PDB file of N, CA and C in Angstrom:
ATOM      1  N   MET A   1      48.776 -25.443 -28.111  1.00  0.00           N
ATOM      2  CA  MET A   1      47.990 -26.993 -27.703  1.00  0.00           C
ATOM      3  C   MET A   1      47.452 -26.650 -26.388  1.00  0.00           C
ATOM      4  N   THR A   2      46.805 -26.926 -25.740  1.00  0.00           N
ATOM      5  CA  THR A   2      46.230 -26.805 -24.270  1.00  0.00           C
ATOM      6  C   THR A   2      46.929 -28.267 -23.944  1.00  0.00           C
ATOM      7  N   THR A   3      47.129 -28.366 -22.527  1.00  0.00           N
ATOM      8  CA  THR A   3      47.691 -29.618 -21.641  1.00  0.00           C
ATOM      9  C   THR A   3      46.607 -29.928 -20.519  1.00  0.00           C
ATOM     10  N   LEU A   4      47.040 -31.088 -20.037  1.00  0.00           N
ATOM     11  CA  LEU A   4      46.575 -31.701 -19.750  1.00  0.00           C
ATOM     12  C   LEU A   4      46.239 -30.937 -18.150  1.00  0.00           C
ATOM     13  N   GLN A   5      47.398 -30.517 -17.386  1.00  0.00           N
ATOM     14  CA  GLN A   5      47.005 -29.528 -16.003  1.00  0.00           C
ATOM     15  C   GLN A   5      46.196 -28.731 -16.383  1.00  0.00           C
ATOM     16  N   PRO A   6      46.412 -27.393 -17.326  1.00  0.00           N
ATOM     17  CA  PRO A   6      45.583 -26.647 -16.733  1.00  0.00           C
ATOM     18  C   PRO A   6      43.845 -27.103 -17.137  1.00  0.00           C
ATOM     19  N   VAL A   7      43.760 -28.272 -18.363  1.00  0.00           N
ATOM     20  CA  VAL A   7      42.382 -28.719 -17.952  1.00  0.00           C
ATOM     21  C   VAL A   7      42.077 -29.163 -17.253  1.00  0.00           C
ATOM     22  N   LEU A   8      43.049 -29.997 -16.867  1.00  0.00           N
ATOM     23  CA  LEU A   8      42.570 -30.570 -15.108  1.00  0.00           C
ATOM     24  C   LEU A   8      41.925 -29.343 -14.516  1.00  0.00           C
ATOM     25  N   LYS A   9      42.906 -28.637 -13.811  1.00  0.00           N
ATOM     26  CA  LYS A   9      42.303 -27.531 -12.905  1.00  0.00           C
ATOM     27  C   LYS A   9      41.209 -26.752 -12.842  1.00  0.00           C
ATOM     28  N   ALA A  10      40.971 -26.576 -14.333  1.00  0.00           N
ATOM     29  CA  ALA A  10      39.323 -26.305 -15.103  1.00  0.00           C
ATOM     30  C   ALA A  10      38.343 -27.165 -14.675  1.00  0.00           C
ATOM     31  N   ALA A  11      38.667 -28.011 -14.892  1.00  0.00           N
ATOM     32  CA  ALA A  11      37.441 -28.975 -14.652  1.00  0.00           C
ATOM     33  C   ALA A  11      37.067 -29.460 -12.832  1.00  0.00           C
ATOM     34  N   LEU A  12      38.415 -29.145 -12.285  1.00  0.00           N
ATOM     35  CA  LEU A  12      38.089 -29.299 -10.895  1.00  0.00           C
ATOM     36  C   LEU A  12      37.640 -27.720 -10.286  1.00  0.00           C
ATOM     37  N   ASP A  13      37.337 -26.737 -10.839  1.00  0.00           N
ATOM     38  CA  ASP A  13      36.563 -25.438 -10.572  1.00  0.00           C
ATOM     39  C   ASP A  13      35.675 -25.436 -10.714  1.00  0.00           C
ATOM     40  N   LEU A  14      34.635 -26.597 -11.422  1.00  0.00           N
ATOM     41  CA  LEU A  14      33.558 -26.572 -12.059  1.00  0.00           C
ATOM     42  C   LEU A  14      32.761 -26.847 -10.770  1.00  0.00           C
ATOM     43  N   PRO A  15      31.669 -25.926 -10.792  1.00  0.00           N
ATOM     44  CA  PRO A  15      30.895 -26.549  -9.930  1.00  0.00           C
ATOM     45  C   PRO A  15      30.278 -28.479 -10.271  1.00  0.00           C
ATOM     46  N   SER A  16      29.862 -28.812  -8.982  1.00  0.00           N
ATOM     47  CA  SER A  16      29.616 -30.345  -8.809  1.00  0.00           C
ATOM     48  C   SER A  16      28.946 -30.956 -10.206  1.00  0.00           C
ATOM     49  N   GLU A  17      28.057 -30.501 -10.155  1.00  0.00           N
ATOM     50  CA  GLU A  17      26.646 -30.303 -11.558  1.00  0.00           C
ATOM     51  C   GLU A  17      27.501 -30.372 -12.855  1.00  0.00           C
ATOM     52  N   GLU A  18      28.339 -29.459 -13.014  1.00  0.00           N
ATOM     53  CA  GLU A  18      28.903 -29.450 -14.467  1.00  0.00           C
ATOM     54  C   GLU A  18      30.212 -30.199 -14.549  1.00  0.00           C
ATOM     55  N   GLN A  19      31.132 -30.423 -13.143  1.00  0.00           N
ATOM     56  CA  GLN A  19      32.000 -31.749 -13.089  1.00  0.00           C
ATOM     57  C   GLN A  19      31.385 -33.105 -13.616  1.00  0.00           C
ATOM     58  N   GLU A  20      30.111 -33.047 -13.381  1.00  0.00           N
ATOM     59  CA  GLU A  20      29.542 -34.648 -13.502  1.00  0.00           C
ATOM     60  C   GLU A  20      28.687 -34.521 -14.864  1.00  0.00           C
ATOM     61  N   ALA A  21      28.467 -33.211 -15.820  1.00  0.00           N
ATOM     62  CA  ALA A  21      28.123 -33.086 -17.098  1.00  0.00           C
ATOM     63  C   ALA A  21      29.199 -33.196 -17.577  1.00  0.00           C
ATOM     64  N   LEU A  22      30.272 -32.575 -17.283  1.00  0.00           N
ATOM     65  CA  LEU A  22      31.535 -32.945 -18.476  1.00  0.00           C
ATOM     66  C   LEU A  22      32.118 -34.263 -18.457  1.00  0.00           C
ATOM     67  N   LEU A  23      32.184 -35.110 -17.450  1.00  0.00           N
ATOM     68  CA  LEU A  23      32.221 -36.767 -17.146  1.00  0.00           C
ATOM     69  C   LEU A  23      31.190 -37.362 -18.357  1.00  0.00           C
ATOM     70  N   ILE A  24      29.673 -36.757 -17.762  1.00  0.00           N
ATOM     71  CA  ILE A  24      29.586 -37.602 -18.954  1.00  0.00           C
ATOM     72  C   ILE A  24      29.925 -37.105 -20.336  1.00  0.00           C
ATOM     73  N   ALA A  25      30.060 -35.828 -20.806  1.00  0.00           N
ATOM     74  CA  ALA A  25      30.184 -35.572 -22.316  1.00  0.00           C
ATOM     75  C   ALA A  25      31.447 -36.413 -22.624  1.00  0.00           C
ATOM     76  N   ILE A  26      32.672 -36.969 -21.768  1.00  0.00           N
ATOM     77  CA  ILE A  26      34.166 -36.783 -22.408  1.00  0.00           C
ATOM     78  C   ILE A  26      33.274 -38.795 -22.540  1.00  0.00           C
ATOM     79  N   GLN A  27      32.758 -39.257 -21.406  1.00  0.00           N
ATOM     80  CA  GLN A  27      32.753 -40.619 -21.992  1.00  0.00           C
ATOM     81  C   GLN A  27      31.642 -41.090 -22.950  1.00  0.00           C
ATOM     82  N   THR A  28      30.878 -40.170 -23.360  1.00  0.00           N
ATOM     83  CA  THR A  28      30.031 -40.383 -24.813  1.00  0.00           C
ATOM     84  C   THR A  28      30.611 -40.276 -26.011  1.00  0.00           C
ATOM     85  N   HIS A  29      31.666 -39.038 -26.104  1.00  0.00           N
ATOM     86  CA  HIS A  29      32.589 -38.900 -27.089  1.00  0.00           C
ATOM     87  C   HIS A  29      33.282 -40.228 -27.435  1.00  0.00           C
ATOM     88  N   LYS A  30      34.570 -40.736 -26.116  1.00  0.00           N
ATOM     89  CA  LYS A  30      35.363 -42.124 -26.377  1.00  0.00           C
ATOM     90  C   LYS A  30      33.975 -43.354 -26.935  1.00  0.00           C
ATOM     91  N   SER A  31      32.991 -43.179 -26.411  1.00  0.00           N
ATOM     92  CA  SER A  31      32.283 -44.345 -27.093  1.00  0.00           C
ATOM     93  C   SER A  31      31.846 -43.915 -28.165  1.00  0.00           C
ATOM     94  N   GLU A  32      31.765 -42.746 -28.660  1.00  0.00           N
ATOM     95  CA  GLU A  32      31.039 -42.643 -30.047  1.00  0.00           C
ATOM     96  C   GLU A  32      32.168 -43.039 -31.265  1.00  0.00           C
ATOM     97  N   ILE A  33      33.710 -42.408 -30.246  1.00  0.00           N
ATOM     98  CA  ILE A  33      34.560 -42.791 -30.965  1.00  0.00           C
ATOM     99  C   ILE A  33      34.854 -44.276 -31.278  1.00  0.00           C
ATOM    100  N   ARG A  34      34.360 -45.118 -30.552  1.00  0.00           N
ATOM    101  CA  ARG A  34      34.835 -46.134 -29.797  1.00  0.00           C
ATOM    102  C   ARG A  34      34.097 -47.376 -30.843  1.00  0.00           C
ATOM    103  N   ARG A  35      32.298 -46.881 -30.641  1.00  0.00           N
ATOM    104  CA  ARG A  35      31.895 -47.251 -31.845  1.00  0.00           C
ATOM    105  C   ARG A  35      32.329 -47.118 -33.127  1.00  0.00           C
ATOM    106  N   THR A  36      32.611 -45.668 -34.330  1.00  0.00           N
ATOM    107  CA  THR A  36      32.739 -45.502 -34.911  1.00  0.00           C
ATOM    108  C   THR A  36      34.728 -47.146 -35.667  1.00  0.00           C
ATOM    109  N   GLU A  37      35.182 -47.148 -34.893  1.00  0.00           N
ATOM    110  CA  GLU A  37      36.676 -47.654 -34.863  1.00  0.00           C
ATOM    111  C   GLU A  37      35.601 -48.865 -35.355  1.00  0.00           C
ATOM    112  N   LEU A  38      35.043 -49.821 -34.293  1.00  0.00           N
ATOM    113  CA  LEU A  38      34.561 -50.686 -33.900  1.00  0.00           C
ATOM    114  C   LEU A  38      33.693 -50.827 -35.811  1.00  0.00           C
ATOM    115  N   ALA A  39      32.614 -50.024 -36.014  1.00  0.00           N
ATOM    116  CA  ALA A  39      32.273 -50.067 -37.419  1.00  0.00           C
ATOM    117  C   ALA A  39      33.179 -50.489 -38.231  1.00  0.00           C
ATOM    118  N   GLU A  40      34.038 -49.085 -38.121  1.00  0.00           N
ATOM    119  CA  GLU A  40      35.004 -49.148 -39.271  1.00  0.00           C
ATOM    120  C   GLU A  40      35.681 -50.936 -39.661  1.00  0.00           C
ATOM    121  N   TYR A  41      36.397 -51.063 -38.303  1.00  0.00           N
ATOM    122  CA  TYR A  41      36.972 -52.724 -38.441  1.00  0.00           C
ATOM    123  C   TYR A  41      35.737 -53.549 -38.869  1.00  0.00           C
ATOM    124  N   ALA A  42      34.256 -53.622 -38.512  1.00  0.00           N
ATOM    125  CA  ALA A  42      33.480 -54.972 -39.089  1.00  0.00           C
ATOM    126  C   ALA A  42      33.329 -54.345 -40.255  1.00  0.00           C
ATOM    127  N   ARG A  43      33.461 -53.164 -40.885  1.00  0.00           N
ATOM    128  CA  ARG A  43      32.948 -52.955 -42.563  1.00  0.00           C
ATOM    129  C   ARG A  43      34.448 -54.037 -43.054  1.00  0.00           C
ATOM    130  N   GLN A  44      35.632 -53.750 -42.490  1.00  0.00           N
ATOM    131  CA  GLN A  44      36.758 -53.970 -43.145  1.00  0.00           C
ATOM    132  C   GLN A  44      37.028 -55.703 -43.247  1.00  0.00           C
ATOM    133  N   SER A  45      36.277 -55.714 -42.070  1.00  0.00           N
ATOM    134  CA  SER A  45      36.427 -57.019 -42.324  1.00  0.00           C
ATOM    135  C   SER A  45      35.494 -57.859 -43.000  1.00  0.00           C
ATOM    136  N   ALA A  46      34.162 -57.446 -43.694  1.00  0.00           N
ATOM    137  CA  ALA A  46      33.531 -57.785 -44.034  1.00  0.00           C
ATOM    138  C   ALA A  46      33.559 -57.998 -45.890  1.00  0.00           C
ATOM    139  N   LEU A  47      34.498 -56.508 -46.377  1.00  0.00           N
ATOM    140  CA  LEU A  47      35.475 -57.103 -46.980  1.00  0.00           C
ATOM    141  C   LEU A  47      36.649 -57.872 -47.463  1.00  0.00           C
ATOM    142  N   ASP A  48      37.119 -58.034 -46.454  1.00  0.00           N
ATOM    143  CA  ASP A  48      38.407 -58.913 -46.439  1.00  0.00           C
ATOM    144  C   ASP A  48      37.933 -60.647 -46.557  1.00  0.00           C
ATOM    145  N   VAL A  49      36.776 -60.529 -45.957  1.00  0.00           N
ATOM    146  CA  VAL A  49      35.681 -62.176 -45.826  1.00  0.00           C
ATOM    147  C   VAL A  49      35.228 -62.215 -47.989  1.00  0.00           C
ATOM    148  N   ARG A  50      34.570 -61.058 -47.783  1.00  0.00           N
ATOM    149  CA  ARG A  50      34.312 -61.287 -49.575  1.00  0.00           C
ATOM    150  C   ARG A  50      35.244 -61.358 -50.290  1.00  0.00           C
ATOM    151  N   SER A  51      36.777 -60.525 -50.206  1.00  0.00           N
ATOM    152  CA  SER A  51      37.585 -60.767 -51.039  1.00  0.00           C
ATOM    153  C   SER A  51      38.571 -62.014 -50.901  1.00  0.00           C
ATOM    154  N   GLY A  52      37.974 -62.635 -50.087  1.00  0.00           N
ATOM    155  CA  GLY A  52      39.070 -64.072 -49.989  1.00  0.00           C
ATOM    156  C   GLY A  52      39.516 -63.900 -49.147  1.00  0.00           C
ATOM    157  N   LYS A  53      40.332 -62.474 -48.144  1.00  0.00           N
ATOM    158  CA  LYS A  53      41.587 -63.049 -47.842  1.00  0.00           C
ATOM    159  C   LYS A  53      41.332 -63.400 -45.791  1.00  0.00           C
ATOM    160  N   LEU A  54      40.019 -63.152 -45.783  1.00  0.00           N
ATOM    161  CA  LEU A  54      39.588 -63.678 -44.188  1.00  0.00           C
ATOM    162  C   LEU A  54      38.337 -64.677 -44.811  1.00  0.00           C
ATOM    163  N   LYS A  55      38.687 -66.267 -43.944  1.00  0.00           N
ATOM    164  CA  LYS A  55      37.664 -66.985 -44.293  1.00  0.00           C
ATOM    165  C   LYS A  55      36.743 -67.323 -42.526  1.00  0.00           C
ATOM    166  N   PRO A  56      35.287 -67.076 -43.138  1.00  0.00           N
ATOM    167  CA  PRO A  56      34.112 -67.823 -42.057  1.00  0.00           C
ATOM    168  C   PRO A  56      34.686 -68.727 -41.035  1.00  0.00           C
ATOM    169  N   LYS A  57      35.022 -68.338 -39.518  1.00  0.00           N
ATOM    170  CA  LYS A  57      34.863 -69.686 -38.454  1.00  0.00           C
ATOM    171  C   LYS A  57      33.917 -69.608 -37.771  1.00  0.00           C
ATOM    172  N   PRO A  58      33.587 -70.938 -37.798  1.00  0.00           N
ATOM    173  CA  PRO A  58      32.324 -71.099 -36.324  1.00  0.00           C
ATOM    174  C   PRO A  58      32.715 -70.413 -35.277  1.00  0.00           C
ATOM    175  N   VAL A  59      31.787 -69.486 -34.090  1.00  0.00           N
ATOM    176  CA  VAL A  59      32.434 -68.652 -33.386  1.00  0.00           C
ATOM    177  C   VAL A  59      32.832 -69.819 -32.490  1.00  0.00           C
ATOM    178  N   ALA A  60      32.390 -70.931 -32.113  1.00  0.00           N
ATOM    179  CA  ALA A  60      33.235 -71.940 -31.247  1.00  0.00           C
ATOM    180  C   ALA A  60      34.912 -71.870 -31.182  1.00  0.00           C
ATOM    181  N   GLU A  61      35.335 -72.264 -32.776  1.00  0.00           N
ATOM    182  CA  GLU A  61      36.993 -71.743 -33.382  1.00  0.00           C
ATOM    183  C   GLU A  61      36.955 -70.947 -33.023  1.00  0.00           C
ATOM    184  N   ILE A  62      36.754 -69.573 -33.168  1.00  0.00           N
ATOM    185  CA  ILE A  62      37.034 -68.284 -32.849  1.00  0.00           C
ATOM    186  C   ILE A  62      37.191 -68.359 -30.939  1.00  0.00           C
ATOM    187  N   MET A  63      36.399 -68.760 -30.400  1.00  0.00           N
ATOM    188  CA  MET A  63      36.552 -68.671 -28.945  1.00  0.00           C
ATOM    189  C   MET A  63      37.529 -69.243 -28.910  1.00  0.00           C
ATOM    190  N   SER A  64      37.825 -70.672 -29.027  1.00  0.00           N
ATOM    191  CA  SER A  64      38.797 -71.685 -28.664  1.00  0.00           C
ATOM    192  C   SER A  64      40.328 -70.776 -29.113  1.00  0.00           C
ATOM    193  N   GLN A  65      40.287 -70.425 -30.124  1.00  0.00           N
ATOM    194  CA  GLN A  65      41.557 -69.553 -30.804  1.00  0.00           C
ATOM    195  C   GLN A  65      41.951 -68.106 -29.497  1.00  0.00           C
ATOM    196  N   LEU A  66      40.853 -67.915 -28.876  1.00  0.00           N
ATOM    197  CA  LEU A  66      40.990 -66.680 -28.050  1.00  0.00           C
ATOM    198  C   LEU A  66      41.498 -67.056 -26.773  1.00  0.00           C
ATOM    199  N   ASP A  67      40.666 -68.322 -26.525  1.00  0.00           N
ATOM    200  CA  ASP A  67      41.231 -69.387 -25.165  1.00  0.00           C
ATOM    201  C   ASP A  67      42.313 -69.363 -25.047  1.00  0.00           C
ATOM    202  N   ASP A  68      42.977 -70.059 -26.560  1.00  0.00           N
ATOM    203  CA  ASP A  68      44.565 -70.341 -26.156  1.00  0.00           C
ATOM    204  C   ASP A  68      45.612 -68.800 -26.766  1.00  0.00           C
ATOM    205  N   GLU A  69      45.163 -67.515 -26.762  1.00  0.00           N
ATOM    206  CA  GLU A  69      46.225 -66.199 -26.747  1.00  0.00           C
ATOM    207  C   GLU A  69      45.767 -66.248 -25.206  1.00  0.00           C
ATOM    208  N   ILE A  70      45.147 -66.138 -24.922  1.00  0.00           N
ATOM    209  CA  ILE A  70      44.838 -65.856 -23.083  1.00  0.00           C
ATOM    210  C   ILE A  70      45.511 -66.538 -21.784  1.00  0.00           C
TER     211      ILE A  70
END
């Protein structure tokens, strides 16, 4: 298993253009992972609504509940 320190050193040793490309590649990868997680959450939520575990609510009610939690 590679640890962060040698990877960071190797990244910092790259030319500036390659460092930028690495940053973009990591950001893109993280975005794809998050998009996959959100899609799975939406899929599961839709299943839960269809099965009756969740009840649809108006957006205003959801937003009000979020405001109360903050």
